[in-house]
N, C-alpha and C. Protein backbone atom coordinates (compact mmCIF):
# COMPACT_ATOMS: atom_id res chain seq x y z
N MET A 1 0.37 -1.33 -0.12
CA MET A 1 0.29 0.21 -0.12
C MET A 1 0.48 1.32 -0.01
N ILE A 2 1.76 1.21 0.64
CA ILE A 2 2.89 2.47 0.74
C ILE A 2 3.58 2.90 -0.63
N GLU A 3 3.96 1.82 -1.51
CA GLU A 3 4.30 1.59 -2.35
C GLU A 3 3.22 2.33 -3.61
N THR A 4 2.34 1.88 -3.89
CA THR A 4 1.38 2.59 -4.15
C THR A 4 1.28 4.68 -4.31
N ILE A 5 1.21 4.95 -2.63
CA ILE A 5 1.17 6.06 -2.00
C ILE A 5 2.16 6.87 -2.56
N LYS A 6 3.08 5.90 -2.51
CA LYS A 6 4.46 6.70 -2.85
C LYS A 6 4.40 7.32 -4.32
N GLU A 7 4.04 6.02 -5.31
CA GLU A 7 4.29 6.53 -6.92
C GLU A 7 3.15 7.33 -6.97
N SER A 8 2.22 7.55 -5.94
CA SER A 8 1.08 8.83 -7.03
C SER A 8 1.95 9.44 -6.08
N LEU A 9 2.47 10.03 -5.01
CA LEU A 9 2.90 10.97 -5.36
C LEU A 9 4.12 12.13 -5.04
N ILE A 10 4.85 11.29 -5.72
CA ILE A 10 6.12 11.78 -6.33
C ILE A 10 5.53 11.98 -7.91
N ILE A 11 4.54 10.88 -8.53
CA ILE A 11 3.89 11.70 -10.12
C ILE A 11 3.55 13.28 -10.03
N PHE A 12 2.43 13.37 -8.98
CA PHE A 12 1.80 14.77 -8.49
C PHE A 12 3.11 15.67 -7.84
N HIS A 13 4.13 15.37 -6.69
CA HIS A 13 5.38 16.30 -6.75
C HIS A 13 5.67 16.67 -8.19
N ALA A 14 6.27 15.48 -9.47
CA ALA A 14 6.48 16.33 -10.23
C ALA A 14 5.27 16.66 -10.77
N GLY A 15 4.26 17.18 -10.99
CA GLY A 15 3.32 17.93 -11.31
C GLY A 15 3.53 19.70 -11.23
N VAL A 16 3.42 19.40 -9.91
CA VAL A 16 3.84 19.91 -9.28
C VAL A 16 5.10 21.08 -9.03
N SER A 17 6.05 20.41 -9.31
CA SER A 17 7.03 20.74 -10.20
C SER A 17 7.06 22.01 -10.81
N ILE A 18 6.62 20.88 -12.09
CA ILE A 18 6.49 22.02 -13.73
C ILE A 18 5.56 22.57 -13.63
N LEU A 19 3.93 22.40 -12.98
CA LEU A 19 3.40 24.11 -12.77
C LEU A 19 4.21 25.15 -12.01
N LEU A 20 4.87 24.63 -11.12
CA LEU A 20 5.97 25.82 -10.42
C LEU A 20 6.26 26.69 -11.79
N VAL A 21 7.24 25.57 -11.72
CA VAL A 21 8.36 26.72 -13.00
C VAL A 21 7.28 27.27 -14.13
N LEU A 22 6.85 26.53 -14.69
CA LEU A 22 5.83 27.26 -15.70
C LEU A 22 5.66 28.65 -14.93
N CYS A 23 5.10 28.62 -14.55
CA CYS A 23 3.83 29.38 -13.46
C CYS A 23 5.15 30.90 -12.81
N VAL A 24 6.57 30.55 -12.40
CA VAL A 24 7.57 31.26 -12.77
C VAL A 24 7.45 32.08 -14.11
N LEU A 25 7.93 31.50 -15.22
CA LEU A 25 8.80 31.79 -15.93
C LEU A 25 7.48 32.84 -16.91
N PHE A 26 5.84 32.62 -16.46
CA PHE A 26 5.10 33.47 -17.39
C PHE A 26 5.00 34.90 -16.86
N GLN A 27 5.49 34.77 -15.33
CA GLN A 27 5.47 36.11 -14.13
C GLN A 27 6.00 37.64 -14.82
N PRO A 28 5.45 38.56 -15.12
CA PRO A 28 6.62 40.08 -15.29
C PRO A 28 7.31 40.07 -15.33
N SER A 29 8.14 40.32 -15.19
CA SER A 29 9.61 40.78 -15.31
C SER A 29 9.27 42.24 -14.18
N LYS A 30 10.41 42.51 -13.06
CA LYS A 30 9.75 43.72 -12.40
C LYS A 30 11.08 45.40 -12.95
N THR A 31 11.98 44.22 -13.48
CA THR A 31 12.68 45.47 -14.26
C THR A 31 12.16 45.71 -15.78
N ASP A 32 12.38 46.65 -16.39
CA ASP A 32 12.63 46.45 -17.46
C ASP A 32 13.96 46.06 -18.17
N ASP A 33 13.26 45.07 -19.28
CA ASP A 33 14.35 44.50 -19.65
C ASP A 33 14.36 45.00 -21.54
N LEU A 34 15.56 43.84 -22.31
CA LEU A 34 15.65 44.54 -23.51
C LEU A 34 14.46 44.56 -24.54
N GLY A 35 13.81 43.70 -24.19
CA GLY A 35 12.49 43.54 -24.73
C GLY A 35 11.88 45.32 -25.13
N SER A 36 11.98 45.95 -23.78
CA SER A 36 10.94 46.93 -23.84
C SER A 36 11.84 48.20 -24.91
N MET A 37 13.55 47.89 -24.79
CA MET A 37 13.99 49.01 -25.10
C MET A 37 14.02 48.95 -26.64
N PHE A 38 13.43 47.69 -27.01
CA PHE A 38 12.96 48.05 -28.81
C PHE A 38 11.44 48.06 -28.98
N GLY A 39 10.58 48.45 -28.44
CA GLY A 39 9.50 48.82 -29.13
C GLY A 39 8.62 46.92 -28.17
N GLY A 40 8.98 45.99 -27.63
CA GLY A 40 8.29 45.79 -27.43
C GLY A 40 7.39 45.51 -26.40
N SER A 41 6.17 44.57 -26.11
CA SER A 41 5.30 45.20 -25.50
C SER A 41 4.98 44.86 -24.51
N SER A 42 4.49 45.52 -23.16
CA SER A 42 4.87 45.13 -22.28
C SER A 42 3.35 44.62 -20.96
N GLU A 43 2.02 44.22 -22.38
CA GLU A 43 0.93 43.72 -22.46
C GLU A 43 1.66 42.28 -21.47
N SER A 44 0.48 40.93 -20.60
CA SER A 44 1.09 39.72 -20.39
C SER A 44 -0.11 39.12 -20.57
N VAL A 45 1.14 38.03 -20.66
CA VAL A 45 0.18 37.10 -21.58
C VAL A 45 -1.01 36.27 -21.35
N PHE A 46 -1.34 36.67 -19.73
CA PHE A 46 -2.38 36.06 -19.63
C PHE A 46 -3.68 37.46 -18.87
N GLY A 47 -3.84 38.52 -19.78
CA GLY A 47 -4.36 39.94 -19.27
C GLY A 47 -3.49 40.57 -18.75
N ALA A 48 -4.60 41.41 -18.47
CA ALA A 48 -3.53 43.44 -17.45
C ALA A 48 -3.61 43.32 -16.08
N ASP A 49 -4.09 41.82 -15.87
CA ASP A 49 -4.09 42.55 -14.32
C ASP A 49 -4.01 41.04 -13.54
N SER A 50 -2.96 40.35 -14.17
CA SER A 50 -2.41 38.47 -13.56
C SER A 50 -1.49 38.48 -13.16
N SER A 51 -1.07 39.72 -12.76
CA SER A 51 -0.12 39.65 -11.93
C SER A 51 -0.18 38.48 -10.23
N SER A 52 -1.34 39.38 -9.82
CA SER A 52 -1.55 38.96 -8.47
C SER A 52 -1.83 37.69 -8.75
N PHE A 53 -3.06 36.67 -9.68
CA PHE A 53 -3.10 35.63 -10.33
C PHE A 53 -2.21 34.67 -9.82
N LEU A 54 -1.17 35.32 -10.41
CA LEU A 54 -0.13 34.45 -10.79
C LEU A 54 1.25 34.07 -9.60
N ARG A 55 0.95 35.49 -8.82
CA ARG A 55 1.40 35.54 -7.77
C ARG A 55 1.01 34.52 -6.56
N LYS A 56 -0.29 33.89 -6.28
CA LYS A 56 -1.28 33.85 -5.21
C LYS A 56 -1.03 31.91 -5.81
N LEU A 57 -0.78 32.17 -7.30
CA LEU A 57 -0.84 30.83 -7.38
C LEU A 57 0.53 30.22 -7.18
N THR A 58 2.03 30.93 -7.71
CA THR A 58 3.03 29.91 -7.36
C THR A 58 3.14 30.38 -5.79
N ILE A 59 2.65 31.31 -4.57
CA ILE A 59 2.61 30.79 -3.48
C ILE A 59 2.33 29.34 -3.40
N TRP A 60 1.21 29.07 -3.68
CA TRP A 60 0.46 28.22 -2.87
C TRP A 60 1.05 27.02 -3.80
N LEU A 61 1.48 26.76 -5.04
CA LEU A 61 2.27 25.78 -5.51
C LEU A 61 3.41 25.24 -4.86
N GLY A 62 4.19 26.90 -4.54
CA GLY A 62 5.46 26.42 -3.56
C GLY A 62 5.62 25.89 -2.08
N VAL A 63 4.04 26.28 -1.64
CA VAL A 63 4.10 25.85 -0.32
C VAL A 63 3.24 24.20 -0.25
N ILE A 64 2.54 23.78 -1.63
CA ILE A 64 2.38 22.64 -1.92
C ILE A 64 3.86 21.17 -2.56
N PHE A 65 4.75 21.99 -3.38
CA PHE A 65 6.10 21.72 -3.94
C PHE A 65 6.67 21.17 -2.31
N PHE A 66 6.76 22.18 -1.11
CA PHE A 66 7.64 22.03 -0.27
C PHE A 66 6.84 20.97 0.35
N VAL A 67 5.72 21.04 0.94
CA VAL A 67 4.78 19.57 1.44
C VAL A 67 5.29 18.20 1.10
N THR A 68 5.32 18.21 -0.01
CA THR A 68 5.09 16.87 -1.19
C THR A 68 6.39 16.31 -0.87
N SER A 69 7.23 17.57 -0.96
CA SER A 69 9.05 17.18 -0.75
C SER A 69 9.53 16.13 1.29
N LEU A 70 8.80 17.48 1.50
CA LEU A 70 8.72 16.81 2.92
C LEU A 70 8.07 15.48 3.33
N THR A 71 6.94 15.23 2.89
CA THR A 71 6.15 14.15 3.06
C THR A 71 6.54 13.46 2.30
N LEU A 72 7.66 13.04 0.83
CA LEU A 72 8.65 12.46 0.49
C LEU A 72 9.59 12.26 1.50
N GLY A 73 9.58 13.15 1.62
CA GLY A 73 11.21 12.80 2.21
C GLY A 73 11.19 11.39 4.07
N PHE A 74 9.75 11.79 4.70
CA PHE A 74 9.73 10.89 5.57
C PHE A 74 9.19 9.70 5.01
N ILE A 75 8.64 9.52 3.91
CA ILE A 75 7.59 8.57 3.39
C ILE A 75 9.47 7.82 3.43
N TYR A 76 10.25 8.15 2.60
CA TYR A 76 11.65 7.51 2.98
C TYR A 76 12.35 7.19 3.83
N LEU A 77 12.79 8.15 4.78
CA LEU A 77 13.07 8.17 5.37
C LEU A 77 12.44 6.61 6.07
N LYS A 78 11.22 6.83 6.65
CA LYS A 78 10.63 5.93 7.68
C LYS A 78 10.69 4.10 6.42
N TYR A 79 10.01 3.89 5.47
CA TYR A 79 9.97 2.34 5.21
C TYR A 79 11.05 2.06 3.60
N ASP A 80 12.49 3.15 3.69
CA ASP A 80 12.79 2.63 2.63
C ASP A 80 13.79 3.19 3.41
N LYS A 81 14.60 2.46 4.06
CA LYS A 81 15.78 2.91 5.29
C LYS A 81 16.99 1.94 4.58
N LYS A 82 17.50 1.96 2.96
CA LYS A 82 18.21 2.20 2.61
C LYS A 82 18.94 3.63 2.20
N THR A 83 20.68 2.80 1.59
CA THR A 83 21.12 4.09 1.86
C THR A 83 21.43 3.66 0.05
N VAL A 84 21.65 4.70 -0.83
CA VAL A 84 22.08 4.12 -1.92
C VAL A 84 23.97 3.84 -1.46
N ILE A 85 24.24 3.48 -0.73
CA ILE A 85 25.63 3.01 -1.00
C ILE A 85 25.06 1.07 -0.61
N GLU A 86 24.02 1.32 0.72
CA GLU A 86 23.63 -0.58 0.65
C GLU A 86 23.05 -0.73 -0.76
N GLU A 87 22.61 0.38 -1.46
CA GLU A 87 21.90 -0.72 -2.99
C GLU A 87 23.14 -0.98 -3.53
N LYS A 88 24.01 -0.44 -3.98
CA LYS A 88 25.08 -0.61 -4.62
C LYS A 88 25.72 -2.13 -4.50
N VAL A 89 25.96 -2.32 -3.58
CA VAL A 89 26.81 -3.06 -2.57
C VAL A 89 25.33 -4.92 -2.77
N ARG A 90 24.75 -4.61 -2.29
CA ARG A 90 23.28 -5.43 -3.03
C ARG A 90 23.58 -6.01 -4.17
N SER A 91 23.34 -4.74 -5.49
CA SER A 91 23.10 -4.95 -6.47
C SER A 91 25.11 -5.42 -7.09
N ILE A 92 25.80 -5.59 -6.22
CA ILE A 92 27.57 -5.84 -6.56
C ILE A 92 27.31 -7.09 -6.48
N GLU A 93 26.35 -7.71 -5.05
CA GLU A 93 26.77 -8.94 -4.08
C GLU A 93 25.72 -9.84 -5.73
N LYS A 94 24.66 -9.37 -6.44
CA LYS A 94 23.47 -10.26 -6.99
C LYS A 94 24.77 -10.27 -8.16
N GLN A 95 25.35 -10.05 -8.76
CA GLN A 95 26.16 -9.72 -9.58
C GLN A 95 27.10 -10.44 -9.51
N GLU A 96 27.74 -10.73 -8.23
CA GLU A 96 28.39 -12.70 -8.78
C GLU A 96 28.32 -12.93 -8.19
N GLU A 97 27.19 -13.06 -7.32
CA GLU A 97 26.43 -14.40 -7.27
C GLU A 97 26.10 -15.10 -8.35
N VAL A 98 25.63 -14.23 -9.27
CA VAL A 98 25.42 -14.73 -11.62
C VAL A 98 26.66 -15.35 -11.61
N SER A 99 27.82 -14.51 -11.63
CA SER A 99 28.70 -15.07 -12.02
C SER A 99 29.57 -16.45 -11.54
N ASP A 100 29.13 -16.45 -10.23
CA ASP A 100 29.69 -17.92 -9.84
C ASP A 100 29.20 -19.59 -10.12
N ILE A 101 27.68 -19.05 -10.80
CA ILE A 101 27.14 -19.81 -11.64
C ILE A 101 27.77 -20.52 -12.59
N ASP A 102 27.76 -19.20 -13.42
CA ASP A 102 28.87 -19.44 -14.97
C ASP A 102 30.23 -20.50 -14.04
C-alpha cells in the first residue's frame, strides 16, 4: 500500500514542480528588459491584471511543493531505510552470485 502512495505522490510532486516552473516563467518581470527598449509590448500573456493571480498561484504551488517534498522525505526515511551505498553493494553481490554460477 505504501508503494502506491509513494508512486502517486512522486507523480503529483513532478506535476506540481512543472506547474511551478511554468508559473514562475509566465510572471512579468519587475524591471525593464531589453525587449521594452526596442518597442516590445508590456502586456501580459494572461491579460492586464494577472500578476496578482500568478503571484498567489506561485505561492500556493510553492507551499504544495514544499509539503510534498517533506512528505516524500519522511516516507523514504520511515519505510526505505536503505542508503545508496547499501543498494550498490547489494547489486554488486547479486552480480557476483550470478557470475559464480557460470
